[in-house]
Amino acid sequence: MDMTQFVWLVTVVLTGAAAGAMTGHTILFGRFLNWMFESGNTEVFKDTYPVFIREKSPQLLFDNLFTLTILVTTGFNAYLYLSGKVNVFSLLAVGLQWAFVGVFFGTGFAKVEAELFKNANTSPEMVGAFLKRNIPLCGLSSALLLASLACLVLMRL
C-alpha cells in the first residue's frame, strides 16, 4: 500500500464515520430531541442537555469529526490535483462535504443549535426553528455525507 492509498483509506474511514454519525443523529437522536420538545419536555431538555455539553470532558475526535473529515478530504484532493490524479469522484466527494458545511451554516441551523444546546435558549421561537429544520436538514446532511462516501469508495487511484 503506497501513501496515496493509505491517505485514501483514512479519508474513507473518516467520511464513513462522519456519515454514520450524521445518519445516527437523523434517525435516533434528532427524532428524540424533536419528541422532547413536541411533548412539552422543554424544561427537562434545558436542565440536562446544555449542562451536559458544558460539563463533559472534551472528546477530541468526536467533537471535531466533521471538521477533520472535510480537512482531510480537501487535503487529499489537493494532493491528487497536484499529482495529476484528481478525478470526478474525488472532486464530487469533497464538493459534497463542503455542501454539507453550507447546509449547516447557510441555513442558520448552526446558530439555532448553538442557541439551544450551548446557551439553553428554549424560547418558543428557537424551539420552533429547531423543530422545523432538524430532521430535514440532518437528513439532507446525512445524504450528502453518504454520497461523498460512495464517491470516495468508487474512485480509482
N, C-alpha and C. Protein backbone atom coordinates (compact mmCIF):
# COMPACT_ATOMS: atom_id res chain seq x y z
N MET A 1 0.86 -1.18 0.00
CA MET A 1 0.00 0.00 0.00
C MET A 1 0.90 1.23 0.00
N ASP A 2 0.72 2.07 -1.00
CA ASP A 2 1.53 3.29 -1.04
C ASP A 2 0.84 4.40 -0.24
N MET A 3 1.48 5.55 -0.16
CA MET A 3 0.97 6.66 0.66
C MET A 3 -0.38 7.16 0.15
N THR A 4 -0.57 7.22 -1.16
CA THR A 4 -1.84 7.68 -1.72
C THR A 4 -2.98 6.76 -1.29
N GLN A 5 -2.76 5.48 -1.35
CA GLN A 5 -3.79 4.52 -0.94
C GLN A 5 -4.06 4.61 0.56
N PHE A 6 -3.01 4.84 1.34
CA PHE A 6 -3.18 4.97 2.79
C PHE A 6 -4.02 6.20 3.13
N VAL A 7 -3.69 7.33 2.51
CA VAL A 7 -4.46 8.55 2.77
C VAL A 7 -5.89 8.39 2.27
N TRP A 8 -6.07 7.73 1.14
CA TRP A 8 -7.42 7.44 0.65
C TRP A 8 -8.20 6.62 1.68
N LEU A 9 -7.55 5.60 2.25
CA LEU A 9 -8.20 4.76 3.26
C LEU A 9 -8.60 5.59 4.49
N VAL A 10 -7.71 6.44 4.95
CA VAL A 10 -8.01 7.31 6.09
C VAL A 10 -9.20 8.22 5.75
N THR A 11 -9.20 8.76 4.53
CA THR A 11 -10.29 9.63 4.08
C THR A 11 -11.61 8.88 4.05
N VAL A 12 -11.59 7.66 3.56
CA VAL A 12 -12.80 6.84 3.50
C VAL A 12 -13.31 6.52 4.91
N VAL A 13 -12.41 6.15 5.80
CA VAL A 13 -12.81 5.81 7.18
C VAL A 13 -13.40 7.03 7.89
N LEU A 14 -12.74 8.17 7.77
CA LEU A 14 -13.26 9.39 8.40
C LEU A 14 -14.61 9.79 7.82
N THR A 15 -14.74 9.73 6.50
CA THR A 15 -16.01 10.09 5.87
C THR A 15 -17.10 9.11 6.27
N GLY A 16 -16.76 7.84 6.36
CA GLY A 16 -17.74 6.84 6.81
C GLY A 16 -18.19 7.09 8.24
N ALA A 17 -17.24 7.45 9.10
CA ALA A 17 -17.59 7.75 10.49
C ALA A 17 -18.48 8.99 10.57
N ALA A 18 -18.15 10.02 9.79
CA ALA A 18 -18.97 11.25 9.79
C ALA A 18 -20.36 10.96 9.24
N ALA A 19 -20.43 10.20 8.15
CA ALA A 19 -21.73 9.85 7.56
C ALA A 19 -22.55 9.02 8.54
N GLY A 20 -21.90 8.08 9.22
CA GLY A 20 -22.60 7.26 10.21
C GLY A 20 -23.09 8.07 11.39
N ALA A 21 -22.26 8.99 11.86
CA ALA A 21 -22.67 9.85 12.99
C ALA A 21 -23.87 10.70 12.60
N MET A 22 -23.84 11.27 11.41
CA MET A 22 -24.96 12.13 10.99
C MET A 22 -26.21 11.31 10.73
N THR A 23 -26.06 10.13 10.18
CA THR A 23 -27.22 9.26 9.95
C THR A 23 -27.83 8.84 11.29
N GLY A 24 -26.98 8.47 12.24
CA GLY A 24 -27.47 8.13 13.57
C GLY A 24 -28.18 9.30 14.23
N HIS A 25 -27.63 10.47 14.04
CA HIS A 25 -28.27 11.67 14.61
C HIS A 25 -29.65 11.87 13.98
N THR A 26 -29.73 11.70 12.67
CA THR A 26 -31.00 11.90 11.98
C THR A 26 -32.05 10.89 12.43
N ILE A 27 -31.65 9.64 12.49
CA ILE A 27 -32.62 8.57 12.77
C ILE A 27 -32.97 8.47 14.25
N LEU A 28 -31.99 8.63 15.12
CA LEU A 28 -32.23 8.40 16.55
C LEU A 28 -32.26 9.69 17.37
N PHE A 29 -31.13 10.33 17.47
CA PHE A 29 -31.02 11.46 18.39
C PHE A 29 -31.87 12.65 17.96
N GLY A 30 -31.88 12.93 16.67
CA GLY A 30 -32.68 14.05 16.18
C GLY A 30 -34.17 13.85 16.46
N ARG A 31 -34.61 12.64 16.23
CA ARG A 31 -36.03 12.35 16.49
C ARG A 31 -36.33 12.39 17.99
N PHE A 32 -35.37 11.97 18.82
CA PHE A 32 -35.55 12.05 20.27
C PHE A 32 -35.68 13.51 20.71
N LEU A 33 -34.81 14.37 20.18
CA LEU A 33 -34.89 15.79 20.53
C LEU A 33 -36.21 16.39 20.07
N ASN A 34 -36.65 16.05 18.88
CA ASN A 34 -37.95 16.53 18.42
C ASN A 34 -39.06 16.10 19.38
N TRP A 35 -39.03 14.83 19.77
CA TRP A 35 -40.05 14.33 20.69
C TRP A 35 -39.99 15.10 22.01
N MET A 36 -38.78 15.36 22.50
CA MET A 36 -38.63 16.06 23.77
C MET A 36 -39.31 17.43 23.72
N PHE A 37 -39.11 18.15 22.63
CA PHE A 37 -39.73 19.48 22.51
C PHE A 37 -41.22 19.39 22.22
N GLU A 38 -41.61 18.46 21.36
CA GLU A 38 -43.02 18.34 20.99
C GLU A 38 -43.88 17.84 22.14
N SER A 39 -43.31 17.08 23.05
CA SER A 39 -44.08 16.53 24.17
C SER A 39 -44.10 17.45 25.38
N GLY A 40 -43.54 18.63 25.23
CA GLY A 40 -43.58 19.60 26.32
C GLY A 40 -42.49 19.41 27.36
N ASN A 41 -41.47 18.69 27.05
CA ASN A 41 -40.36 18.47 27.99
C ASN A 41 -39.21 19.45 27.78
N THR A 42 -39.55 20.65 27.39
CA THR A 42 -38.53 21.67 27.10
C THR A 42 -37.69 21.96 28.34
N GLU A 43 -38.31 22.01 29.50
CA GLU A 43 -37.55 22.31 30.73
C GLU A 43 -36.60 21.17 31.08
N VAL A 44 -37.01 19.93 30.82
CA VAL A 44 -36.12 18.79 31.05
C VAL A 44 -34.89 18.93 30.16
N PHE A 45 -35.13 19.27 28.89
CA PHE A 45 -34.02 19.49 27.97
C PHE A 45 -33.11 20.60 28.50
N LYS A 46 -33.71 21.72 28.85
CA LYS A 46 -32.94 22.90 29.30
C LYS A 46 -32.11 22.59 30.54
N ASP A 47 -32.63 21.74 31.42
CA ASP A 47 -31.92 21.40 32.66
C ASP A 47 -30.88 20.29 32.49
N THR A 48 -30.87 19.62 31.34
CA THR A 48 -29.96 18.49 31.19
C THR A 48 -28.96 18.65 30.04
N TYR A 49 -29.44 18.79 28.82
CA TYR A 49 -28.53 18.72 27.68
C TYR A 49 -27.52 19.87 27.64
N PRO A 50 -27.91 21.12 27.78
CA PRO A 50 -26.90 22.18 27.79
C PRO A 50 -25.89 22.02 28.93
N VAL A 51 -26.33 21.49 30.06
CA VAL A 51 -25.43 21.24 31.19
C VAL A 51 -24.44 20.15 30.81
N PHE A 52 -24.93 19.11 30.17
CA PHE A 52 -24.07 18.02 29.71
C PHE A 52 -23.01 18.54 28.74
N ILE A 53 -23.41 19.35 27.79
CA ILE A 53 -22.48 19.89 26.80
C ILE A 53 -21.39 20.71 27.50
N ARG A 54 -21.77 21.52 28.46
CA ARG A 54 -20.78 22.35 29.18
C ARG A 54 -19.86 21.54 30.06
N GLU A 55 -20.36 20.49 30.68
CA GLU A 55 -19.61 19.76 31.70
C GLU A 55 -18.83 18.56 31.19
N LYS A 56 -19.15 18.06 30.00
CA LYS A 56 -18.48 16.85 29.53
C LYS A 56 -17.01 17.15 29.23
N SER A 57 -16.20 16.12 29.38
CA SER A 57 -14.80 16.31 29.04
C SER A 57 -14.68 16.32 27.52
N PRO A 58 -13.76 17.08 26.98
CA PRO A 58 -13.64 17.15 25.52
C PRO A 58 -13.33 15.79 24.91
N GLN A 59 -14.01 15.49 23.85
CA GLN A 59 -13.78 14.28 23.09
C GLN A 59 -13.19 14.74 21.76
N LEU A 60 -11.89 14.81 21.69
CA LEU A 60 -11.19 15.44 20.58
C LEU A 60 -11.65 14.94 19.22
N LEU A 61 -11.71 13.63 19.02
CA LEU A 61 -12.09 13.11 17.71
C LEU A 61 -13.56 13.38 17.43
N PHE A 62 -14.45 13.02 18.35
CA PHE A 62 -15.87 13.18 18.07
C PHE A 62 -16.26 14.64 17.93
N ASP A 63 -15.75 15.50 18.79
CA ASP A 63 -16.10 16.91 18.73
C ASP A 63 -15.62 17.57 17.44
N ASN A 64 -14.63 17.01 16.80
CA ASN A 64 -14.06 17.60 15.60
C ASN A 64 -14.14 16.67 14.39
N LEU A 65 -14.97 15.66 14.45
CA LEU A 65 -15.04 14.66 13.39
C LEU A 65 -15.37 15.27 12.03
N PHE A 66 -16.38 16.12 11.97
CA PHE A 66 -16.79 16.68 10.69
C PHE A 66 -15.72 17.62 10.14
N THR A 67 -15.13 18.43 11.00
CA THR A 67 -14.06 19.33 10.57
C THR A 67 -12.86 18.54 10.07
N LEU A 68 -12.46 17.54 10.82
CA LEU A 68 -11.32 16.72 10.43
C LEU A 68 -11.58 16.01 9.10
N THR A 69 -12.79 15.51 8.93
CA THR A 69 -13.15 14.82 7.69
C THR A 69 -13.03 15.75 6.48
N ILE A 70 -13.56 16.94 6.61
CA ILE A 70 -13.52 17.89 5.50
C ILE A 70 -12.08 18.32 5.21
N LEU A 71 -11.31 18.56 6.25
CA LEU A 71 -9.92 18.98 6.04
C LEU A 71 -9.10 17.87 5.38
N VAL A 72 -9.26 16.64 5.83
CA VAL A 72 -8.52 15.52 5.25
C VAL A 72 -8.95 15.30 3.79
N THR A 73 -10.24 15.34 3.53
CA THR A 73 -10.72 15.13 2.16
C THR A 73 -10.25 16.26 1.24
N THR A 74 -10.27 17.48 1.73
CA THR A 74 -9.79 18.61 0.94
C THR A 74 -8.29 18.49 0.68
N GLY A 75 -7.54 18.13 1.71
CA GLY A 75 -6.10 17.94 1.55
C GLY A 75 -5.78 16.81 0.59
N PHE A 76 -6.54 15.73 0.68
CA PHE A 76 -6.35 14.60 -0.23
C PHE A 76 -6.60 15.03 -1.67
N ASN A 77 -7.65 15.82 -1.88
CA ASN A 77 -7.94 16.31 -3.23
C ASN A 77 -6.86 17.26 -3.73
N ALA A 78 -6.33 18.07 -2.85
CA ALA A 78 -5.23 18.97 -3.25
C ALA A 78 -4.03 18.14 -3.70
N TYR A 79 -3.73 17.11 -2.95
CA TYR A 79 -2.62 16.22 -3.32
C TYR A 79 -2.90 15.56 -4.67
N LEU A 80 -4.11 15.04 -4.85
CA LEU A 80 -4.47 14.39 -6.12
C LEU A 80 -4.35 15.38 -7.28
N TYR A 81 -4.78 16.60 -7.06
CA TYR A 81 -4.69 17.62 -8.11
C TYR A 81 -3.23 17.90 -8.47
N LEU A 82 -2.41 18.11 -7.46
CA LEU A 82 -1.00 18.43 -7.71
C LEU A 82 -0.24 17.27 -8.35
N SER A 83 -0.68 16.05 -8.08
CA SER A 83 -0.01 14.89 -8.66
C SER A 83 -0.66 14.43 -9.96
N GLY A 84 -1.67 15.17 -10.42
CA GLY A 84 -2.32 14.82 -11.68
C GLY A 84 -3.24 13.62 -11.60
N LYS A 85 -3.69 13.27 -10.41
CA LYS A 85 -4.53 12.09 -10.23
C LYS A 85 -5.97 12.41 -9.84
N VAL A 86 -6.31 13.69 -9.81
CA VAL A 86 -7.66 14.06 -9.41
C VAL A 86 -8.65 13.50 -10.43
N ASN A 87 -9.84 13.11 -9.94
CA ASN A 87 -10.87 12.59 -10.85
C ASN A 87 -12.23 13.08 -10.40
N VAL A 88 -13.22 12.77 -11.20
CA VAL A 88 -14.56 13.29 -10.94
C VAL A 88 -15.09 12.82 -9.58
N PHE A 89 -14.80 11.59 -9.19
CA PHE A 89 -15.30 11.09 -7.91
C PHE A 89 -14.66 11.80 -6.72
N SER A 90 -13.36 12.07 -6.80
CA SER A 90 -12.71 12.77 -5.69
C SER A 90 -13.24 14.20 -5.58
N LEU A 91 -13.45 14.84 -6.73
CA LEU A 91 -13.99 16.20 -6.71
C LEU A 91 -15.43 16.23 -6.19
N LEU A 92 -16.24 15.26 -6.61
CA LEU A 92 -17.60 15.17 -6.08
C LEU A 92 -17.60 14.93 -4.58
N ALA A 93 -16.72 14.06 -4.11
CA ALA A 93 -16.65 13.74 -2.68
C ALA A 93 -16.38 14.99 -1.86
N VAL A 94 -15.39 15.76 -2.25
CA VAL A 94 -15.06 16.96 -1.48
C VAL A 94 -16.15 18.02 -1.66
N GLY A 95 -16.71 18.13 -2.84
CA GLY A 95 -17.78 19.09 -3.07
C GLY A 95 -19.01 18.80 -2.21
N LEU A 96 -19.34 17.54 -2.10
CA LEU A 96 -20.49 17.14 -1.26
C LEU A 96 -20.24 17.45 0.21
N GLN A 97 -18.99 17.28 0.65
CA GLN A 97 -18.68 17.60 2.04
C GLN A 97 -18.76 19.10 2.31
N TRP A 98 -18.30 19.90 1.36
CA TRP A 98 -18.42 21.35 1.53
C TRP A 98 -19.88 21.79 1.42
N ALA A 99 -20.69 21.07 0.64
CA ALA A 99 -22.13 21.34 0.60
C ALA A 99 -22.75 21.06 1.96
N PHE A 100 -22.28 20.02 2.63
CA PHE A 100 -22.72 19.72 4.00
C PHE A 100 -22.48 20.92 4.92
N VAL A 101 -21.30 21.51 4.82
CA VAL A 101 -20.98 22.70 5.62
C VAL A 101 -21.92 23.85 5.25
N GLY A 102 -22.15 24.01 3.96
CA GLY A 102 -23.06 25.06 3.50
C GLY A 102 -24.47 24.90 4.03
N VAL A 103 -24.95 23.67 4.05
CA VAL A 103 -26.29 23.40 4.58
C VAL A 103 -26.35 23.76 6.06
N PHE A 104 -25.36 23.33 6.82
CA PHE A 104 -25.38 23.54 8.27
C PHE A 104 -25.30 25.03 8.63
N PHE A 105 -24.40 25.74 8.02
CA PHE A 105 -24.23 27.15 8.35
C PHE A 105 -25.12 28.06 7.51
N GLY A 106 -25.28 27.75 6.25
CA GLY A 106 -26.03 28.61 5.35
C GLY A 106 -27.51 28.70 5.66
N THR A 107 -28.06 27.67 6.24
CA THR A 107 -29.49 27.68 6.59
C THR A 107 -29.74 28.30 7.96
N GLY A 108 -28.68 28.61 8.68
CA GLY A 108 -28.84 29.15 10.03
C GLY A 108 -29.03 28.09 11.10
N PHE A 109 -28.95 26.81 10.70
CA PHE A 109 -29.17 25.74 11.67
C PHE A 109 -28.06 25.69 12.72
N ALA A 110 -26.85 26.04 12.34
CA ALA A 110 -25.74 26.06 13.31
C ALA A 110 -26.05 27.05 14.42
N LYS A 111 -26.60 28.19 14.07
CA LYS A 111 -26.94 29.21 15.08
C LYS A 111 -28.07 28.72 15.99
N VAL A 112 -29.06 28.06 15.39
CA VAL A 112 -30.17 27.53 16.18
C VAL A 112 -29.65 26.48 17.17
N GLU A 113 -28.81 25.57 16.70
CA GLU A 113 -28.25 24.55 17.59
C GLU A 113 -27.43 25.18 18.71
N ALA A 114 -26.62 26.16 18.38
CA ALA A 114 -25.80 26.81 19.41
C ALA A 114 -26.68 27.49 20.46
N GLU A 115 -27.73 28.14 20.03
CA GLU A 115 -28.63 28.79 20.98
C GLU A 115 -29.30 27.77 21.90
N LEU A 116 -29.75 26.67 21.34
CA LEU A 116 -30.42 25.64 22.15
C LEU A 116 -29.43 24.87 23.02
N PHE A 117 -28.39 24.34 22.41
CA PHE A 117 -27.51 23.39 23.09
C PHE A 117 -26.49 24.06 24.00
N LYS A 118 -25.99 25.20 23.63
CA LYS A 118 -24.95 25.84 24.44
C LYS A 118 -25.50 26.95 25.32
N ASN A 119 -26.45 27.72 24.80
CA ASN A 119 -26.98 28.85 25.55
C ASN A 119 -28.28 28.55 26.27
N ALA A 120 -28.82 27.34 26.07
CA ALA A 120 -30.07 26.91 26.70
C ALA A 120 -31.22 27.87 26.42
N ASN A 121 -31.22 28.46 25.24
CA ASN A 121 -32.30 29.35 24.83
C ASN A 121 -33.45 28.50 24.30
N THR A 122 -34.42 28.24 25.15
CA THR A 122 -35.55 27.40 24.76
C THR A 122 -36.81 28.24 24.53
N SER A 123 -36.62 29.42 23.99
CA SER A 123 -37.77 30.26 23.66
C SER A 123 -38.62 29.54 22.61
N PRO A 124 -39.92 29.83 22.58
CA PRO A 124 -40.78 29.18 21.58
C PRO A 124 -40.28 29.39 20.14
N GLU A 125 -39.72 30.55 19.87
CA GLU A 125 -39.21 30.81 18.52
C GLU A 125 -38.03 29.90 18.19
N MET A 126 -37.12 29.73 19.15
CA MET A 126 -35.94 28.90 18.93
C MET A 126 -36.33 27.43 18.80
N VAL A 127 -37.20 26.97 19.68
CA VAL A 127 -37.67 25.58 19.61
C VAL A 127 -38.41 25.34 18.29
N GLY A 128 -39.23 26.28 17.89
CA GLY A 128 -39.96 26.16 16.62
C GLY A 128 -39.01 26.09 15.44
N ALA A 129 -37.98 26.93 15.45
CA ALA A 129 -36.99 26.91 14.36
C ALA A 129 -36.26 25.57 14.33
N PHE A 130 -35.94 25.04 15.51
CA PHE A 130 -35.27 23.74 15.57
C PHE A 130 -36.17 22.64 15.03
N LEU A 131 -37.41 22.61 15.48
CA LEU A 131 -38.33 21.55 15.05
C LEU A 131 -38.58 21.61 13.54
N LYS A 132 -38.63 22.79 12.99
CA LYS A 132 -38.87 22.94 11.55
C LYS A 132 -37.68 22.44 10.73
N ARG A 133 -36.47 22.64 11.23
CA ARG A 133 -35.27 22.35 10.44
C ARG A 133 -34.57 21.04 10.79
N ASN A 134 -34.71 20.56 12.00
CA ASN A 134 -33.88 19.47 12.50
C ASN A 134 -33.83 18.24 11.58
N ILE A 135 -34.93 17.56 11.43
CA ILE A 135 -34.92 16.30 10.66
C ILE A 135 -34.66 16.54 9.17
N PRO A 136 -35.30 17.52 8.54
CA PRO A 136 -35.00 17.71 7.11
C PRO A 136 -33.53 18.06 6.84
N LEU A 137 -32.95 18.94 7.64
CA LEU A 137 -31.57 19.35 7.38
C LEU A 137 -30.57 18.26 7.79
N CYS A 138 -30.86 17.55 8.86
CA CYS A 138 -29.98 16.45 9.25
C CYS A 138 -30.08 15.32 8.22
N GLY A 139 -31.26 15.08 7.69
CA GLY A 139 -31.43 14.08 6.65
C GLY A 139 -30.66 14.46 5.38
N LEU A 140 -30.75 15.72 5.00
CA LEU A 140 -30.00 16.20 3.83
C LEU A 140 -28.50 16.10 4.09
N SER A 141 -28.08 16.49 5.27
CA SER A 141 -26.66 16.41 5.62
C SER A 141 -26.17 14.97 5.59
N SER A 142 -26.96 14.08 6.10
CA SER A 142 -26.62 12.66 6.08
C SER A 142 -26.50 12.16 4.64
N ALA A 143 -27.44 12.54 3.78
CA ALA A 143 -27.40 12.12 2.38
C ALA A 143 -26.15 12.66 1.69
N LEU A 144 -25.77 13.90 1.98
CA LEU A 144 -24.57 14.48 1.38
C LEU A 144 -23.32 13.71 1.79
N LEU A 145 -23.22 13.39 3.07
CA LEU A 145 -22.04 12.67 3.55
C LEU A 145 -22.02 11.22 3.05
N LEU A 146 -23.17 10.58 2.97
CA LEU A 146 -23.23 9.22 2.42
C LEU A 146 -22.86 9.22 0.93
N ALA A 147 -23.31 10.22 0.20
CA ALA A 147 -22.95 10.33 -1.22
C ALA A 147 -21.45 10.59 -1.37
N SER A 148 -20.88 11.40 -0.49
CA SER A 148 -19.44 11.64 -0.51
C SER A 148 -18.68 10.35 -0.26
N LEU A 149 -19.15 9.57 0.71
CA LEU A 149 -18.53 8.28 1.00
C LEU A 149 -18.59 7.36 -0.23
N ALA A 150 -19.75 7.32 -0.88
CA ALA A 150 -19.89 6.47 -2.08
C ALA A 150 -18.90 6.92 -3.16
N CYS A 151 -18.76 8.22 -3.35
CA CYS A 151 -17.80 8.73 -4.35
C CYS A 151 -16.38 8.31 -4.02
N LEU A 152 -16.00 8.39 -2.76
CA LEU A 152 -14.66 8.00 -2.37
C LEU A 152 -14.43 6.51 -2.58
N VAL A 153 -15.42 5.72 -2.26
CA VAL A 153 -15.29 4.27 -2.44
C VAL A 153 -15.18 3.92 -3.92
N LEU A 154 -15.92 4.64 -4.76
CA LEU A 154 -15.94 4.34 -6.20
C LEU A 154 -14.74 4.87 -6.97
N MET A 155 -13.98 5.76 -6.38
CA MET A 155 -12.86 6.34 -7.14
C MET A 155 -11.75 5.33 -7.32
N ARG A 156 -11.03 5.49 -8.37
CA ARG A 156 -9.88 4.60 -8.66
C ARG A 156 -8.62 5.40 -8.49
N LEU A 157 -7.70 4.84 -7.77
CA LEU A 157 -6.42 5.52 -7.55
C LEU A 157 -5.42 5.17 -8.63
